[in-house]
Amino acid sequence: MASDTTTALSEDLEALEDDLPATVDDGAIERMRFVAHALDEGIRVPGTDARVGLDPILGILPGAGDTAAAAVSLYVVVEAARMGVSSSTLLRMLANVGVDAIVGSVPVLGVVFDAFWKANTWNLELALEDLAAEYE
């Protein structure tokens, strides 16, 4: 089921990228996609179709791991702001990062939460939706 969700989300992101105007910085989108993939779903769990990223792995390190993951997650938000994503979307993106950092910092539960809470992928999707809607 996790791979079905990941595949569907990946297809949604590709469709959104196709709807973007030519003026959008393709390099920035690729960098945002790379960060989201690395933190949320870059590693396949052996023996399953499930994918996790570096976020839950970093979360194993108390405090510092979640702080580092949150700092990298903010890159997606900063790039979105630089490209002109609306303030309301940026606030939603910051809320996703905040929830990820706060709940992710809870010992043991936080690591499990981080494996399922795909804040960076959702933030990429929010940014792409906002940019596509702006140019419709």
N, C-alpha and C. Protein backbone atom coordinates (compact mmCIF):
# COMPACT_ATOMS: atom_id res chain seq x y z
N MET A 1 0.82 -1.19 0.00
CA MET A 1 0.00 0.00 0.00
C MET A 1 0.86 1.26 0.00
N ALA A 2 1.96 1.23 0.74
CA ALA A 2 2.81 2.40 0.77
C ALA A 2 3.38 2.72 -0.60
N SER A 3 3.73 1.69 -1.38
CA SER A 3 4.27 1.98 -2.71
C SER A 3 3.19 2.53 -3.63
N ASP A 4 1.93 2.07 -3.47
CA ASP A 4 0.83 2.62 -4.25
C ASP A 4 0.67 4.11 -3.96
N THR A 5 0.74 4.47 -2.70
CA THR A 5 0.62 5.87 -2.30
C THR A 5 1.80 6.67 -2.85
N THR A 6 3.00 6.12 -2.73
CA THR A 6 4.19 6.80 -3.23
C THR A 6 4.11 6.97 -4.74
N THR A 7 3.68 5.93 -5.45
CA THR A 7 3.56 6.00 -6.90
C THR A 7 2.52 7.03 -7.30
N ALA A 8 1.37 7.03 -6.63
CA ALA A 8 0.32 8.00 -6.94
C ALA A 8 0.80 9.42 -6.69
N LEU A 9 1.51 9.63 -5.58
CA LEU A 9 2.01 10.96 -5.26
C LEU A 9 3.05 11.39 -6.29
N SER A 10 3.92 10.49 -6.68
CA SER A 10 4.92 10.80 -7.69
C SER A 10 4.27 11.18 -9.01
N GLU A 11 3.21 10.46 -9.40
CA GLU A 11 2.49 10.79 -10.63
C GLU A 11 1.80 12.14 -10.50
N ASP A 12 1.24 12.44 -9.31
CA ASP A 12 0.61 13.74 -9.08
C ASP A 12 1.63 14.87 -9.23
N LEU A 13 2.83 14.66 -8.66
CA LEU A 13 3.87 15.68 -8.75
C LEU A 13 4.30 15.89 -10.20
N GLU A 14 4.43 14.82 -10.96
CA GLU A 14 4.81 14.95 -12.36
C GLU A 14 3.74 15.70 -13.14
N ALA A 15 2.47 15.41 -12.86
CA ALA A 15 1.37 16.11 -13.54
C ALA A 15 1.40 17.60 -13.19
N LEU A 16 1.66 17.91 -11.92
CA LEU A 16 1.73 19.31 -11.51
C LEU A 16 2.90 20.02 -12.20
N GLU A 17 4.03 19.34 -12.31
CA GLU A 17 5.19 19.94 -12.97
C GLU A 17 4.88 20.24 -14.43
N ASP A 18 4.07 19.38 -15.06
CA ASP A 18 3.70 19.61 -16.46
C ASP A 18 2.82 20.85 -16.61
N ASP A 19 2.11 21.23 -15.54
CA ASP A 19 1.21 22.39 -15.57
C ASP A 19 1.91 23.71 -15.28
N LEU A 20 3.19 23.65 -14.92
CA LEU A 20 3.91 24.87 -14.58
C LEU A 20 4.28 25.66 -15.83
N PRO A 21 4.25 26.97 -15.71
CA PRO A 21 4.67 27.79 -16.86
C PRO A 21 6.18 27.69 -17.08
N ALA A 22 6.60 28.06 -18.26
CA ALA A 22 8.02 27.97 -18.63
C ALA A 22 8.90 28.90 -17.79
N THR A 23 8.31 29.90 -17.15
CA THR A 23 9.10 30.86 -16.38
C THR A 23 9.56 30.32 -15.02
N VAL A 24 9.00 29.20 -14.58
CA VAL A 24 9.37 28.63 -13.29
C VAL A 24 10.78 28.03 -13.39
N ASP A 25 11.57 28.25 -12.38
CA ASP A 25 12.96 27.78 -12.32
C ASP A 25 12.98 26.25 -12.20
N ASP A 26 13.26 25.57 -13.31
CA ASP A 26 13.29 24.10 -13.32
C ASP A 26 14.37 23.56 -12.39
N GLY A 27 15.49 24.25 -12.31
CA GLY A 27 16.57 23.82 -11.42
C GLY A 27 16.12 23.81 -9.96
N ALA A 28 15.39 24.83 -9.57
CA ALA A 28 14.89 24.91 -8.19
C ALA A 28 13.90 23.78 -7.92
N ILE A 29 13.04 23.50 -8.90
CA ILE A 29 12.07 22.40 -8.73
C ILE A 29 12.81 21.08 -8.55
N GLU A 30 13.85 20.86 -9.35
CA GLU A 30 14.63 19.62 -9.24
C GLU A 30 15.32 19.52 -7.88
N ARG A 31 15.85 20.63 -7.39
CA ARG A 31 16.50 20.62 -6.07
C ARG A 31 15.48 20.34 -4.97
N MET A 32 14.30 20.95 -5.08
CA MET A 32 13.24 20.71 -4.09
C MET A 32 12.81 19.24 -4.13
N ARG A 33 12.67 18.70 -5.34
CA ARG A 33 12.29 17.30 -5.51
C ARG A 33 13.35 16.38 -4.89
N PHE A 34 14.62 16.70 -5.10
CA PHE A 34 15.71 15.90 -4.55
C PHE A 34 15.66 15.89 -3.02
N VAL A 35 15.52 17.05 -2.41
CA VAL A 35 15.47 17.15 -0.95
C VAL A 35 14.26 16.39 -0.41
N ALA A 36 13.09 16.59 -1.02
CA ALA A 36 11.88 15.90 -0.56
C ALA A 36 12.05 14.39 -0.67
N HIS A 37 12.60 13.93 -1.79
CA HIS A 37 12.79 12.49 -1.98
C HIS A 37 13.79 11.93 -0.95
N ALA A 38 14.90 12.62 -0.76
CA ALA A 38 15.93 12.15 0.17
C ALA A 38 15.40 12.07 1.61
N LEU A 39 14.65 13.07 2.03
CA LEU A 39 14.17 13.09 3.41
C LEU A 39 12.95 12.20 3.64
N ASP A 40 12.12 11.99 2.61
CA ASP A 40 10.85 11.29 2.82
C ASP A 40 10.80 9.87 2.29
N GLU A 41 11.47 9.59 1.19
CA GLU A 41 11.26 8.26 0.59
C GLU A 41 12.46 7.74 -0.19
N GLY A 42 13.64 8.16 0.15
CA GLY A 42 14.83 7.80 -0.60
C GLY A 42 15.33 6.38 -0.44
N ILE A 43 14.87 5.67 0.58
CA ILE A 43 15.40 4.34 0.88
C ILE A 43 14.26 3.33 0.93
N ARG A 44 14.37 2.27 0.15
CA ARG A 44 13.37 1.21 0.19
C ARG A 44 13.68 0.30 1.38
N VAL A 45 12.65 -0.02 2.16
CA VAL A 45 12.81 -0.92 3.30
C VAL A 45 12.96 -2.34 2.74
N PRO A 46 14.08 -3.01 3.03
CA PRO A 46 14.32 -4.33 2.46
C PRO A 46 13.16 -5.31 2.74
N GLY A 47 12.80 -6.04 1.72
CA GLY A 47 11.75 -7.04 1.85
C GLY A 47 10.33 -6.50 1.75
N THR A 48 10.21 -5.19 1.52
CA THR A 48 8.88 -4.56 1.41
C THR A 48 8.89 -3.59 0.25
N ASP A 49 7.72 -3.04 -0.05
CA ASP A 49 7.62 -1.96 -1.03
C ASP A 49 7.63 -0.60 -0.34
N ALA A 50 7.72 -0.60 0.98
CA ALA A 50 7.70 0.66 1.75
C ALA A 50 9.00 1.42 1.54
N ARG A 51 8.88 2.74 1.60
CA ARG A 51 10.04 3.60 1.45
C ARG A 51 10.08 4.59 2.61
N VAL A 52 11.27 4.86 3.09
CA VAL A 52 11.49 5.89 4.11
C VAL A 52 12.64 6.76 3.62
N GLY A 53 12.78 7.88 4.27
CA GLY A 53 13.87 8.77 3.91
C GLY A 53 14.84 8.94 5.05
N LEU A 54 15.67 9.93 4.93
CA LEU A 54 16.65 10.21 5.96
C LEU A 54 16.03 10.80 7.21
N ASP A 55 14.84 11.39 7.09
CA ASP A 55 14.20 12.04 8.23
C ASP A 55 14.05 11.09 9.43
N PRO A 56 13.44 9.91 9.29
CA PRO A 56 13.33 9.04 10.47
C PRO A 56 14.68 8.49 10.92
N ILE A 57 15.61 8.35 10.00
CA ILE A 57 16.94 7.86 10.39
C ILE A 57 17.65 8.92 11.22
N LEU A 58 17.58 10.18 10.77
CA LEU A 58 18.17 11.27 11.55
C LEU A 58 17.48 11.41 12.90
N GLY A 59 16.17 11.09 12.94
CA GLY A 59 15.39 11.20 14.16
C GLY A 59 15.86 10.28 15.27
N ILE A 60 16.66 9.30 14.93
CA ILE A 60 17.21 8.39 15.95
C ILE A 60 18.15 9.15 16.88
N LEU A 61 18.80 10.19 16.34
CA LEU A 61 19.69 11.01 17.17
C LEU A 61 18.84 12.01 17.95
N PRO A 62 18.75 11.88 19.26
CA PRO A 62 17.87 12.75 20.04
C PRO A 62 18.19 14.23 19.86
N GLY A 63 17.15 15.00 19.56
CA GLY A 63 17.30 16.45 19.44
C GLY A 63 18.01 16.89 18.18
N ALA A 64 19.27 16.55 18.06
CA ALA A 64 20.09 17.02 16.94
C ALA A 64 19.59 16.48 15.60
N GLY A 65 19.15 15.25 15.56
CA GLY A 65 18.69 14.66 14.31
C GLY A 65 17.45 15.34 13.78
N ASP A 66 16.47 15.58 14.64
CA ASP A 66 15.24 16.24 14.21
C ASP A 66 15.49 17.71 13.87
N THR A 67 16.41 18.33 14.57
CA THR A 67 16.76 19.72 14.27
C THR A 67 17.42 19.80 12.89
N ALA A 68 18.32 18.88 12.61
CA ALA A 68 18.99 18.85 11.30
C ALA A 68 17.98 18.59 10.19
N ALA A 69 17.09 17.64 10.40
CA ALA A 69 16.08 17.32 9.38
C ALA A 69 15.16 18.52 9.14
N ALA A 70 14.77 19.21 10.20
CA ALA A 70 13.91 20.38 10.06
C ALA A 70 14.63 21.49 9.30
N ALA A 71 15.91 21.67 9.59
CA ALA A 71 16.69 22.71 8.90
C ALA A 71 16.75 22.42 7.40
N VAL A 72 16.96 21.17 7.04
CA VAL A 72 17.01 20.81 5.62
C VAL A 72 15.62 20.94 5.01
N SER A 73 14.58 20.59 5.76
CA SER A 73 13.20 20.72 5.28
C SER A 73 12.86 22.17 4.95
N LEU A 74 13.43 23.09 5.69
CA LEU A 74 13.16 24.51 5.44
C LEU A 74 13.69 24.96 4.08
N TYR A 75 14.64 24.21 3.52
CA TYR A 75 15.14 24.55 2.19
C TYR A 75 14.00 24.56 1.17
N VAL A 76 13.11 23.56 1.24
CA VAL A 76 11.99 23.48 0.31
C VAL A 76 11.10 24.72 0.47
N VAL A 77 10.88 25.14 1.70
CA VAL A 77 10.05 26.31 1.97
C VAL A 77 10.73 27.58 1.44
N VAL A 78 12.02 27.70 1.66
CA VAL A 78 12.75 28.89 1.19
C VAL A 78 12.73 28.97 -0.34
N GLU A 79 12.95 27.87 -1.01
CA GLU A 79 12.90 27.86 -2.48
C GLU A 79 11.50 28.25 -2.96
N ALA A 80 10.48 27.72 -2.29
CA ALA A 80 9.10 28.05 -2.67
C ALA A 80 8.85 29.55 -2.51
N ALA A 81 9.33 30.11 -1.43
CA ALA A 81 9.17 31.55 -1.20
C ALA A 81 9.90 32.34 -2.27
N ARG A 82 11.09 31.90 -2.62
CA ARG A 82 11.88 32.58 -3.64
C ARG A 82 11.17 32.57 -5.00
N MET A 83 10.41 31.51 -5.26
CA MET A 83 9.70 31.42 -6.55
C MET A 83 8.36 32.12 -6.54
N GLY A 84 7.96 32.67 -5.39
CA GLY A 84 6.74 33.46 -5.34
C GLY A 84 5.49 32.73 -4.89
N VAL A 85 5.65 31.62 -4.17
CA VAL A 85 4.50 30.90 -3.63
C VAL A 85 3.78 31.81 -2.64
N SER A 86 2.46 31.73 -2.60
CA SER A 86 1.65 32.61 -1.75
C SER A 86 1.96 32.44 -0.27
N SER A 87 1.68 33.48 0.49
CA SER A 87 1.93 33.46 1.94
C SER A 87 1.13 32.36 2.63
N SER A 88 -0.12 32.16 2.21
CA SER A 88 -0.94 31.13 2.87
C SER A 88 -0.36 29.74 2.63
N THR A 89 0.16 29.50 1.44
CA THR A 89 0.79 28.19 1.16
C THR A 89 2.08 28.05 1.95
N LEU A 90 2.86 29.12 2.04
CA LEU A 90 4.09 29.06 2.83
C LEU A 90 3.80 28.76 4.29
N LEU A 91 2.72 29.33 4.83
CA LEU A 91 2.34 29.04 6.22
C LEU A 91 1.97 27.57 6.39
N ARG A 92 1.25 27.01 5.43
CA ARG A 92 0.91 25.58 5.48
C ARG A 92 2.17 24.73 5.43
N MET A 93 3.12 25.14 4.59
CA MET A 93 4.37 24.40 4.48
C MET A 93 5.16 24.47 5.78
N LEU A 94 5.21 25.65 6.39
CA LEU A 94 5.90 25.79 7.68
C LEU A 94 5.22 24.96 8.76
N ALA A 95 3.89 24.88 8.72
CA ALA A 95 3.17 24.05 9.69
C ALA A 95 3.54 22.59 9.52
N ASN A 96 3.66 22.12 8.28
CA ASN A 96 4.07 20.73 8.04
C ASN A 96 5.45 20.45 8.63
N VAL A 97 6.39 21.39 8.41
CA VAL A 97 7.74 21.22 8.96
C VAL A 97 7.69 21.26 10.49
N GLY A 98 6.89 22.17 11.05
CA GLY A 98 6.78 22.27 12.50
C GLY A 98 6.23 21.00 13.14
N VAL A 99 5.16 20.46 12.56
CA VAL A 99 4.59 19.21 13.08
C VAL A 99 5.63 18.10 13.00
N ASP A 100 6.33 18.03 11.87
CA ASP A 100 7.35 17.01 11.68
C ASP A 100 8.44 17.13 12.75
N ALA A 101 8.89 18.34 13.02
CA ALA A 101 9.96 18.55 14.00
C ALA A 101 9.49 18.28 15.43
N ILE A 102 8.31 18.75 15.77
CA ILE A 102 7.83 18.60 17.15
C ILE A 102 7.47 17.16 17.48
N VAL A 103 6.63 16.55 16.65
CA VAL A 103 6.23 15.17 16.92
C VAL A 103 7.42 14.23 16.70
N GLY A 104 8.24 14.55 15.70
CA GLY A 104 9.41 13.71 15.42
C GLY A 104 10.42 13.69 16.55
N SER A 105 10.39 14.68 17.42
CA SER A 105 11.35 14.73 18.53
C SER A 105 10.94 13.87 19.73
N VAL A 106 9.74 13.31 19.70
CA VAL A 106 9.30 12.42 20.78
C VAL A 106 10.05 11.10 20.65
N PRO A 107 10.73 10.66 21.71
CA PRO A 107 11.49 9.41 21.62
C PRO A 107 10.63 8.24 21.14
N VAL A 108 11.19 7.42 20.31
CA VAL A 108 10.62 6.21 19.70
C VAL A 108 9.40 6.53 18.82
N LEU A 109 8.35 7.10 19.37
CA LEU A 109 7.17 7.44 18.59
C LEU A 109 7.54 8.38 17.45
N GLY A 110 8.45 9.29 17.69
CA GLY A 110 8.85 10.25 16.68
C GLY A 110 9.47 9.61 15.45
N VAL A 111 10.26 8.57 15.65
CA VAL A 111 10.89 7.88 14.52
C VAL A 111 9.83 7.21 13.66
N VAL A 112 8.85 6.58 14.30
CA VAL A 112 7.76 5.94 13.56
C VAL A 112 6.94 7.01 12.84
N PHE A 113 6.64 8.09 13.53
CA PHE A 113 5.89 9.18 12.93
C PHE A 113 6.61 9.72 11.69
N ASP A 114 7.92 9.95 11.82
CA ASP A 114 8.71 10.48 10.71
C ASP A 114 8.68 9.57 9.49
N ALA A 115 8.54 8.27 9.71
CA ALA A 115 8.50 7.32 8.60
C ALA A 115 7.23 7.49 7.77
N PHE A 116 6.16 7.98 8.39
CA PHE A 116 4.88 8.09 7.71
C PHE A 116 4.49 9.53 7.35
N TRP A 117 4.99 10.50 8.08
CA TRP A 117 4.65 11.91 7.84
C TRP A 117 5.60 12.44 6.77
N LYS A 118 5.13 12.58 5.57
CA LYS A 118 5.95 12.97 4.42
C LYS A 118 5.85 14.48 4.18
N ALA A 119 6.26 15.25 5.16
CA ALA A 119 6.11 16.70 5.12
C ALA A 119 6.77 17.33 3.90
N ASN A 120 7.93 16.86 3.52
CA ASN A 120 8.65 17.48 2.41
C ASN A 120 8.00 17.20 1.07
N THR A 121 7.52 15.99 0.89
CA THR A 121 6.81 15.65 -0.34
C THR A 121 5.52 16.45 -0.42
N TRP A 122 4.81 16.55 0.68
CA TRP A 122 3.58 17.35 0.71
C TRP A 122 3.88 18.81 0.43
N ASN A 123 4.98 19.30 1.00
CA ASN A 123 5.34 20.70 0.77
C ASN A 123 5.69 20.95 -0.69
N LEU A 124 6.38 20.02 -1.31
CA LEU A 124 6.67 20.15 -2.73
C LEU A 124 5.37 20.20 -3.53
N GLU A 125 4.45 19.33 -3.18
CA GLU A 125 3.16 19.31 -3.87
C GLU A 125 2.40 20.62 -3.67
N LEU A 126 2.39 21.13 -2.43
CA LEU A 126 1.73 22.42 -2.16
C LEU A 126 2.34 23.54 -3.00
N ALA A 127 3.67 23.57 -3.06
CA ALA A 127 4.34 24.62 -3.83
C ALA A 127 4.00 24.51 -5.32
N LEU A 128 4.04 23.29 -5.85
CA LEU A 128 3.73 23.11 -7.27
C LEU A 128 2.28 23.48 -7.58
N GLU A 129 1.36 23.09 -6.69
CA GLU A 129 -0.04 23.45 -6.89
C GLU A 129 -0.21 24.96 -6.92
N ASP A 130 0.44 25.63 -5.97
CA ASP A 130 0.34 27.08 -5.88
C ASP A 130 0.92 27.75 -7.13
N LEU A 131 2.06 27.31 -7.57
CA LEU A 131 2.70 27.89 -8.75
C LEU A 131 1.87 27.64 -10.00
N ALA A 132 1.31 26.44 -10.12
CA ALA A 132 0.48 26.11 -11.29
C ALA A 132 -0.80 26.95 -11.29
N ALA A 133 -1.41 27.11 -10.13
CA ALA A 133 -2.66 27.86 -10.01
C ALA A 133 -2.44 29.34 -10.31
N GLU A 134 -1.28 29.83 -9.93
CA GLU A 134 -0.96 31.25 -10.13
C GLU A 134 -0.90 31.61 -11.61
N TYR A 135 -0.55 30.64 -12.45
CA TYR A 135 -0.36 30.92 -13.88
C TYR A 135 -1.47 30.35 -14.74
N GLU A 136 -2.60 29.96 -14.16
CA GLU A 136 -3.70 29.42 -14.96
C GLU A 136 -4.48 30.52 -15.60
